[in-house]
Protein backbone atom coordinates (compact mmCIF):
# COMPACT_ATOMS: atom_id res chain seq x y z
CA MET A 1 126.93 97.32 103.96
CA THR A 2 123.74 96.56 105.81
CA GLU A 3 120.39 95.52 104.43
CA ALA A 4 116.80 95.89 105.69
CA THR A 5 114.03 93.65 104.32
CA THR A 6 110.23 93.67 104.42
CA ILE A 7 108.09 90.91 102.89
CA TYR A 8 104.65 91.68 101.48
CA GLN A 9 101.93 89.37 100.12
CA HIS A 10 99.89 90.58 97.15
CA GLU A 11 97.46 88.34 95.27
CA ASN A 12 99.46 85.15 94.51
CA TYR A 13 102.85 86.82 94.94
CA GLU A 14 105.41 87.39 97.65
CA LEU A 15 107.35 90.64 97.33
CA ARG A 16 110.69 90.70 99.14
CA CYS A 17 111.56 94.39 99.31
CA SER A 18 115.00 95.31 100.60
CA ALA A 19 117.15 98.38 101.06
CA LYS A 20 120.91 98.07 100.87
CA ALA A 21 122.91 100.82 102.56
CA LEU A 22 125.70 102.42 100.56
CA ASP A 23 128.84 104.02 101.97
CA SER A 24 127.49 107.40 100.80
CA GLY A 25 124.62 107.16 103.31
CA GLU A 26 121.99 106.51 100.63
CA PHE A 27 120.03 103.31 100.07
CA VAL A 28 119.47 101.14 97.00
CA PRO A 29 116.09 99.38 96.70
CA LEU A 30 116.08 95.67 95.81
CA LEU A 31 113.03 93.64 94.77
CA VAL A 32 112.48 89.90 94.39
CA ILE A 33 109.03 88.66 93.38
CA THR A 34 108.05 85.01 93.85
CA LYS A 35 104.79 83.56 92.59
CA GLN A 36 103.15 81.50 95.35
CA VAL A 37 101.40 79.07 93.00
CA TRP A 38 102.92 76.86 90.32
CA PRO A 39 105.15 77.68 88.58
CA THR A 40 107.01 79.23 91.48
CA ARG A 41 110.07 81.08 90.32
CA SER A 42 111.81 84.01 91.94
CA ARG A 43 112.46 87.05 89.76
CA ASP A 44 114.82 89.89 90.51
CA ILE A 45 113.03 93.04 89.35
CA ALA A 46 114.92 96.23 88.55
CA VAL A 47 113.76 99.16 90.64
CA ARG A 48 113.96 102.70 89.28
CA ARG A 49 116.97 104.60 90.54
CA GLY A 50 116.47 107.43 92.96
CA ASP A 51 118.04 109.26 95.86
CA TYR A 52 116.76 107.31 98.86
CA THR A 53 118.00 108.72 102.14
CA SER A 54 116.28 106.11 104.32
CA ALA A 55 115.76 102.36 104.20
CA GLU A 56 112.01 102.92 104.53
CA ALA A 57 111.91 105.11 101.41
CA ALA A 58 113.89 102.54 99.39
CA ILE A 59 111.63 99.70 100.58
CA ALA A 60 108.53 101.76 99.71
CA ALA A 61 109.93 102.33 96.19
CA ALA A 62 110.59 98.61 95.77
CA HIS A 63 107.07 97.79 96.98
CA ALA A 64 105.48 100.26 94.55
CA GLN A 65 107.56 98.87 91.68
CA GLY A 66 106.48 95.33 92.66
CA LEU A 67 102.79 96.22 92.60
CA GLU A 68 103.25 97.85 89.20
CA TRP A 69 105.08 94.77 87.88
CA ILE A 70 102.28 92.45 89.08
CA ALA A 71 99.65 94.70 87.46
CA ASN A 72 101.52 94.69 84.14
CA TYR A 73 103.07 91.22 83.95
CA GLY A 74 101.64 89.07 86.73
């Protein structure tokens, strides 16, 4: 399995958005959010399931979920 990663900065957070390739040819989005000011602690955030046929689509879904998480809980 291969994985593609893009890192975004938003406000005081780093969003590590990844896409893991499955054997079926689809991709699973992964999201880790780390606050850049104290207390810094990485959080694995669950991303909504979907049928992502490209790494870019899975990364975009993870990024959107990260922005929503920051707006609600950050």
